[in-house]
Amino acid sequence: MTIVVDHDTNSVIWCHDKHGKEVLSDFFELLTPEQRESIECISADGARWIAACIEELS
């Protein structure tokens, strides 16, 4: 499962029943360029695919 949380509001803003780079990419593709640029901090576990996805798409 993939869950994206807004840490400022403590609310879930997106979730998916699967995980992986393609799934997380789906989330980032929903965002406008302005929304991507407004992301200040990302927290995640140590999975390399998460870091790779964030570097490519955030």
PDB file of N, CA and C in Angstrom:
ATOM      1  N   MET A   1       0.844  -1.169   0.000  1.00  0.00           N
ATOM      2  CA  MET A   1       0.000   0.000   0.000  1.00  0.00           C
ATOM      3  C   MET A   1       0.891   1.233   0.000  1.00  0.00           C
ATOM      4  N   THR A   2       0.440   2.256  -0.712  1.00  0.00           N
ATOM      5  CA  THR A   2       1.138   3.539  -0.740  1.00  0.00           C
ATOM      6  C   THR A   2       0.198   4.601  -0.195  1.00  0.00           C
ATOM      7  N   ILE A   3       0.675   5.354   0.772  1.00  0.00           N
ATOM      8  CA  ILE A   3      -0.135   6.402   1.390  1.00  0.00           C
ATOM      9  C   ILE A   3       0.666   7.699   1.379  1.00  0.00           C
ATOM     10  N   VAL A   4       0.046   8.768   0.885  1.00  0.00           N
ATOM     11  CA  VAL A   4       0.665  10.088   0.887  1.00  0.00           C
ATOM     12  C   VAL A   4      -0.091  10.931   1.904  1.00  0.00           C
ATOM     13  N   VAL A   5       0.669  11.520   2.838  1.00  0.00           N
ATOM     14  CA  VAL A   5       0.088  12.285   3.935  1.00  0.00           C
ATOM     15  C   VAL A   5       0.610  13.717   3.882  1.00  0.00           C
ATOM     16  N   ASP A   6      -0.261  14.665   4.133  1.00  0.00           N
ATOM     17  CA  ASP A   6       0.147  16.058   4.314  1.00  0.00           C
ATOM     18  C   ASP A   6       0.505  16.206   5.786  1.00  0.00           C
ATOM     19  N   HIS A   7       1.785  16.383   6.076  1.00  0.00           N
ATOM     20  CA  HIS A   7       2.224  16.462   7.472  1.00  0.00           C
ATOM     21  C   HIS A   7       1.746  17.743   8.159  1.00  0.00           C
ATOM     22  N   ASP A   8       1.484  18.781   7.387  1.00  0.00           N
ATOM     23  CA  ASP A   8       0.991  20.026   7.985  1.00  0.00           C
ATOM     24  C   ASP A   8      -0.424  19.877   8.531  1.00  0.00           C
ATOM     25  N   THR A   9      -1.253  19.108   7.807  1.00  0.00           N
ATOM     26  CA  THR A   9      -2.655  18.946   8.226  1.00  0.00           C
ATOM     27  C   THR A   9      -2.931  17.584   8.855  1.00  0.00           C
ATOM     28  N   ASN A  10      -1.911  16.714   8.863  1.00  0.00           N
ATOM     29  CA  ASN A  10      -2.072  15.349   9.372  1.00  0.00           C
ATOM     30  C   ASN A  10      -3.217  14.610   8.688  1.00  0.00           C
ATOM     31  N   SER A  11      -3.329  14.798   7.372  1.00  0.00           N
ATOM     32  CA  SER A  11      -4.409  14.141   6.648  1.00  0.00           C
ATOM     33  C   SER A  11      -3.866  13.357   5.457  1.00  0.00           C
ATOM     34  N   VAL A  12      -4.528  12.255   5.166  1.00  0.00           N
ATOM     35  CA  VAL A  12      -4.190  11.450   3.994  1.00  0.00           C
ATOM     36  C   VAL A  12      -4.713  12.191   2.769  1.00  0.00           C
ATOM     37  N   ILE A  13      -3.830  12.392   1.778  1.00  0.00           N
ATOM     38  CA  ILE A  13      -4.268  13.085   0.580  1.00  0.00           C
ATOM     39  C   ILE A  13      -4.339  12.169  -0.637  1.00  0.00           C
ATOM     40  N   TRP A  14      -3.726  10.981  -0.545  1.00  0.00           N
ATOM     41  CA  TRP A  14      -3.769  10.037  -1.665  1.00  0.00           C
ATOM     42  C   TRP A  14      -3.350   8.673  -1.159  1.00  0.00           C
ATOM     43  N   CYS A  15      -3.971   7.632  -1.669  1.00  0.00           N
ATOM     44  CA  CYS A  15      -3.536   6.281  -1.326  1.00  0.00           C
ATOM     45  C   CYS A  15      -3.816   5.343  -2.489  1.00  0.00           C
ATOM     46  N   HIS A  16      -3.089   4.245  -2.494  1.00  0.00           N
ATOM     47  CA  HIS A  16      -3.211   3.225  -3.533  1.00  0.00           C
ATOM     48  C   HIS A  16      -3.004   1.872  -2.875  1.00  0.00           C
ATOM     49  N   ASP A  17      -3.666   0.863  -3.381  1.00  0.00           N
ATOM     50  CA  ASP A  17      -3.572  -0.454  -2.753  1.00  0.00           C
ATOM     51  C   ASP A  17      -2.300  -1.215  -3.124  1.00  0.00           C
ATOM     52  N   LYS A  18      -1.490  -0.673  -4.005  1.00  0.00           N
ATOM     53  CA  LYS A  18      -0.216  -1.301  -4.386  1.00  0.00           C
ATOM     54  C   LYS A  18       0.929  -0.343  -4.049  1.00  0.00           C
ATOM     55  N   HIS A  19       2.159  -0.798  -4.289  1.00  0.00           N
ATOM     56  CA  HIS A  19       3.323   0.055  -4.048  1.00  0.00           C
ATOM     57  C   HIS A  19       4.318  -0.141  -5.179  1.00  0.00           C
ATOM     58  N   GLY A  20       5.255   0.742  -5.265  1.00  0.00           N
ATOM     59  CA  GLY A  20       6.290   0.663  -6.284  1.00  0.00           C
ATOM     60  C   GLY A  20       6.459   2.010  -6.977  1.00  0.00           C
ATOM     61  N   LYS A  21       7.519   2.093  -7.750  1.00  0.00           N
ATOM     62  CA  LYS A  21       7.855   3.349  -8.413  1.00  0.00           C
ATOM     63  C   LYS A  21       6.736   3.824  -9.338  1.00  0.00           C
ATOM     64  N   GLU A  22       6.122   2.890 -10.066  1.00  0.00           N
ATOM     65  CA  GLU A  22       5.055   3.268 -10.987  1.00  0.00           C
ATOM     66  C   GLU A  22       3.857   3.846 -10.241  1.00  0.00           C
ATOM     67  N   VAL A  23       3.537   3.268  -9.095  1.00  0.00           N
ATOM     68  CA  VAL A  23       2.406   3.750  -8.308  1.00  0.00           C
ATOM     69  C   VAL A  23       2.687   5.150  -7.777  1.00  0.00           C
ATOM     70  N   LEU A  24       3.849   5.363  -7.207  1.00  0.00           N
ATOM     71  CA  LEU A  24       4.191   6.688  -6.689  1.00  0.00           C
ATOM     72  C   LEU A  24       4.278   7.705  -7.817  1.00  0.00           C
ATOM     73  N   SER A  25       4.747   7.286  -8.975  1.00  0.00           N
ATOM     74  CA  SER A  25       4.781   8.171 -10.138  1.00  0.00           C
ATOM     75  C   SER A  25       3.376   8.633 -10.507  1.00  0.00           C
ATOM     76  N   ASP A  26       2.401   7.743 -10.376  1.00  0.00           N
ATOM     77  CA  ASP A  26       1.007   8.118 -10.651  1.00  0.00           C
ATOM     78  C   ASP A  26       0.575   9.296  -9.797  1.00  0.00           C
ATOM     79  N   PHE A  27       0.974   9.289  -8.522  1.00  0.00           N
ATOM     80  CA  PHE A  27       0.629  10.411  -7.641  1.00  0.00           C
ATOM     81  C   PHE A  27       1.254  11.701  -8.144  1.00  0.00           C
ATOM     82  N   PHE A  28       2.550  11.688  -8.424  1.00  0.00           N
ATOM     83  CA  PHE A  28       3.235  12.905  -8.850  1.00  0.00           C
ATOM     84  C   PHE A  28       2.687  13.430 -10.174  1.00  0.00           C
ATOM     85  N   GLU A  29       2.239  12.535 -11.044  1.00  0.00           N
ATOM     86  CA  GLU A  29       1.693  12.964 -12.330  1.00  0.00           C
ATOM     87  C   GLU A  29       0.345  13.667 -12.175  1.00  0.00           C
ATOM     88  N   LEU A  30      -0.340  13.460 -11.065  1.00  0.00           N
ATOM     89  CA  LEU A  30      -1.603  14.149 -10.800  1.00  0.00           C
ATOM     90  C   LEU A  30      -1.388  15.606 -10.394  1.00  0.00           C
ATOM     91  N   LEU A  31      -0.178  15.927  -9.946  1.00  0.00           N
ATOM     92  CA  LEU A  31       0.122  17.261  -9.443  1.00  0.00           C
ATOM     93  C   LEU A  31       0.468  18.224 -10.574  1.00  0.00           C
ATOM     94  N   THR A  32       0.106  19.469 -10.388  1.00  0.00           N
ATOM     95  CA  THR A  32       0.538  20.512 -11.318  1.00  0.00           C
ATOM     96  C   THR A  32       2.002  20.844 -11.016  1.00  0.00           C
ATOM     97  N   PRO A  33       2.676  21.509 -11.938  1.00  0.00           N
ATOM     98  CA  PRO A  33       4.059  21.926 -11.647  1.00  0.00           C
ATOM     99  C   PRO A  33       4.140  22.791 -10.381  1.00  0.00           C
ATOM    100  N   GLU A  34       3.145  23.646 -10.171  1.00  0.00           N
ATOM    101  CA  GLU A  34       3.145  24.502  -8.982  1.00  0.00           C
ATOM    102  C   GLU A  34       3.013  23.670  -7.707  1.00  0.00           C
ATOM    103  N   GLN A  35       2.183  22.645  -7.754  1.00  0.00           N
ATOM    104  CA  GLN A  35       2.029  21.783  -6.585  1.00  0.00           C
ATOM    105  C   GLN A  35       3.321  21.027  -6.302  1.00  0.00           C
ATOM    106  N   ARG A  36       3.976  20.538  -7.331  1.00  0.00           N
ATOM    107  CA  ARG A  36       5.258  19.844  -7.136  1.00  0.00           C
ATOM    108  C   ARG A  36       6.283  20.776  -6.513  1.00  0.00           C
ATOM    109  N   GLU A  37       6.327  22.000  -7.006  1.00  0.00           N
ATOM    110  CA  GLU A  37       7.300  22.965  -6.497  1.00  0.00           C
ATOM    111  C   GLU A  37       7.011  23.359  -5.051  1.00  0.00           C
ATOM    112  N   SER A  38       5.773  23.230  -4.615  1.00  0.00           N
ATOM    113  CA  SER A  38       5.418  23.636  -3.256  1.00  0.00           C
ATOM    114  C   SER A  38       5.786  22.595  -2.202  1.00  0.00           C
ATOM    115  N   ILE A  39       6.194  21.409  -2.627  1.00  0.00           N
ATOM    116  CA  ILE A  39       6.581  20.361  -1.678  1.00  0.00           C
ATOM    117  C   ILE A  39       7.887  20.769  -1.004  1.00  0.00           C
ATOM    118  N   GLU A  40       7.861  20.847   0.305  1.00  0.00           N
ATOM    119  CA  GLU A  40       9.033  21.291   1.063  1.00  0.00           C
ATOM    120  C   GLU A  40       9.808  20.148   1.685  1.00  0.00           C
ATOM    121  N   CYS A  41       9.128  19.079   2.035  1.00  0.00           N
ATOM    122  CA  CYS A  41       9.787  17.989   2.742  1.00  0.00           C
ATOM    123  C   CYS A  41       9.085  16.680   2.392  1.00  0.00           C
ATOM    124  N   ILE A  42       9.868  15.644   2.193  1.00  0.00           N
ATOM    125  CA  ILE A  42       9.316  14.318   1.911  1.00  0.00           C
ATOM    126  C   ILE A  42       9.930  13.341   2.902  1.00  0.00           C
ATOM    127  N   SER A  43       9.077  12.561   3.552  1.00  0.00           N
ATOM    128  CA  SER A  43       9.580  11.513   4.444  1.00  0.00           C
ATOM    129  C   SER A  43       9.125  10.166   3.893  1.00  0.00           C
ATOM    130  N   ALA A  44      10.001   9.195   3.997  1.00  0.00           N
ATOM    131  CA  ALA A  44       9.709   7.860   3.463  1.00  0.00           C
ATOM    132  C   ALA A  44      10.640   6.856   4.127  1.00  0.00           C
ATOM    133  N   ASP A  45      10.353   5.580   3.885  1.00  0.00           N
ATOM    134  CA  ASP A  45      11.294   4.573   4.376  1.00  0.00           C
ATOM    135  C   ASP A  45      12.506   4.548   3.437  1.00  0.00           C
ATOM    136  N   GLY A  46      13.396   3.642   3.597  1.00  0.00           N
ATOM    137  CA  GLY A  46      14.646   3.642   2.861  1.00  0.00           C
ATOM    138  C   GLY A  46      14.617   2.980   1.498  1.00  0.00           C
ATOM    139  N   ALA A  47      13.441   2.707   0.954  1.00  0.00           N
ATOM    140  CA  ALA A  47      13.374   2.031  -0.348  1.00  0.00           C
ATOM    141  C   ALA A  47      14.011   2.891  -1.434  1.00  0.00           C
ATOM    142  N   ARG A  48      14.906   2.301  -2.190  1.00  0.00           N
ATOM    143  CA  ARG A  48      15.615   3.050  -3.232  1.00  0.00           C
ATOM    144  C   ARG A  48      14.676   3.534  -4.320  1.00  0.00           C
ATOM    145  N   TRP A  49      13.624   2.773  -4.611  1.00  0.00           N
ATOM    146  CA  TRP A  49      12.701   3.179  -5.666  1.00  0.00           C
ATOM    147  C   TRP A  49      11.965   4.454  -5.278  1.00  0.00           C
ATOM    148  N   ILE A  50      11.752   4.695  -4.004  1.00  0.00           N
ATOM    149  CA  ILE A  50      11.089   5.932  -3.567  1.00  0.00           C
ATOM    150  C   ILE A  50      12.010   7.119  -3.853  1.00  0.00           C
ATOM    151  N   ALA A  51      13.245   7.009  -3.454  1.00  0.00           N
ATOM    152  CA  ALA A  51      14.205   8.104  -3.698  1.00  0.00           C
ATOM    153  C   ALA A  51      14.353   8.374  -5.188  1.00  0.00           C
ATOM    154  N   ALA A  52      14.428   7.329  -6.003  1.00  0.00           N
ATOM    155  CA  ALA A  52      14.563   7.513  -7.451  1.00  0.00           C
ATOM    156  C   ALA A  52      13.349   8.216  -8.034  1.00  0.00           C
ATOM    157  N   CYS A  53      12.186   7.836  -7.601  1.00  0.00           N
ATOM    158  CA  CYS A  53      10.948   8.446  -8.091  1.00  0.00           C
ATOM    159  C   CYS A  53      10.883   9.918  -7.688  1.00  0.00           C
ATOM    160  N   ILE A  54      11.221  10.218  -6.465  1.00  0.00           N
ATOM    161  CA  ILE A  54      11.171  11.592  -5.964  1.00  0.00           C
ATOM    162  C   ILE A  54      12.170  12.468  -6.724  1.00  0.00           C
ATOM    163  N   GLU A  55      13.352  11.952  -6.976  1.00  0.00           N
ATOM    164  CA  GLU A  55      14.363  12.721  -7.718  1.00  0.00           C
ATOM    165  C   GLU A  55      13.886  13.031  -9.127  1.00  0.00           C
ATOM    166  N   GLU A  56      13.208  12.091  -9.758  1.00  0.00           N
ATOM    167  CA  GLU A  56      12.748  12.279 -11.128  1.00  0.00           C
ATOM    168  C   GLU A  56      11.541  13.202 -11.234  1.00  0.00           C
ATOM    169  N   LEU A  57      10.633  13.109 -10.275  1.00  0.00           N
ATOM    170  CA  LEU A  57       9.319  13.717 -10.466  1.00  0.00           C
ATOM    171  C   LEU A  57       8.958  14.856  -9.532  1.00  0.00           C
ATOM    172  N   SER A  58       9.717  15.095  -8.481  1.00  0.00           N
ATOM    173  CA  SER A  58       9.323  16.174  -7.567  1.00  0.00           C
ATOM    174  C   SER A  58       9.896  17.503  -8.023  1.00  0.00           C
TER     175      SER A  58
END
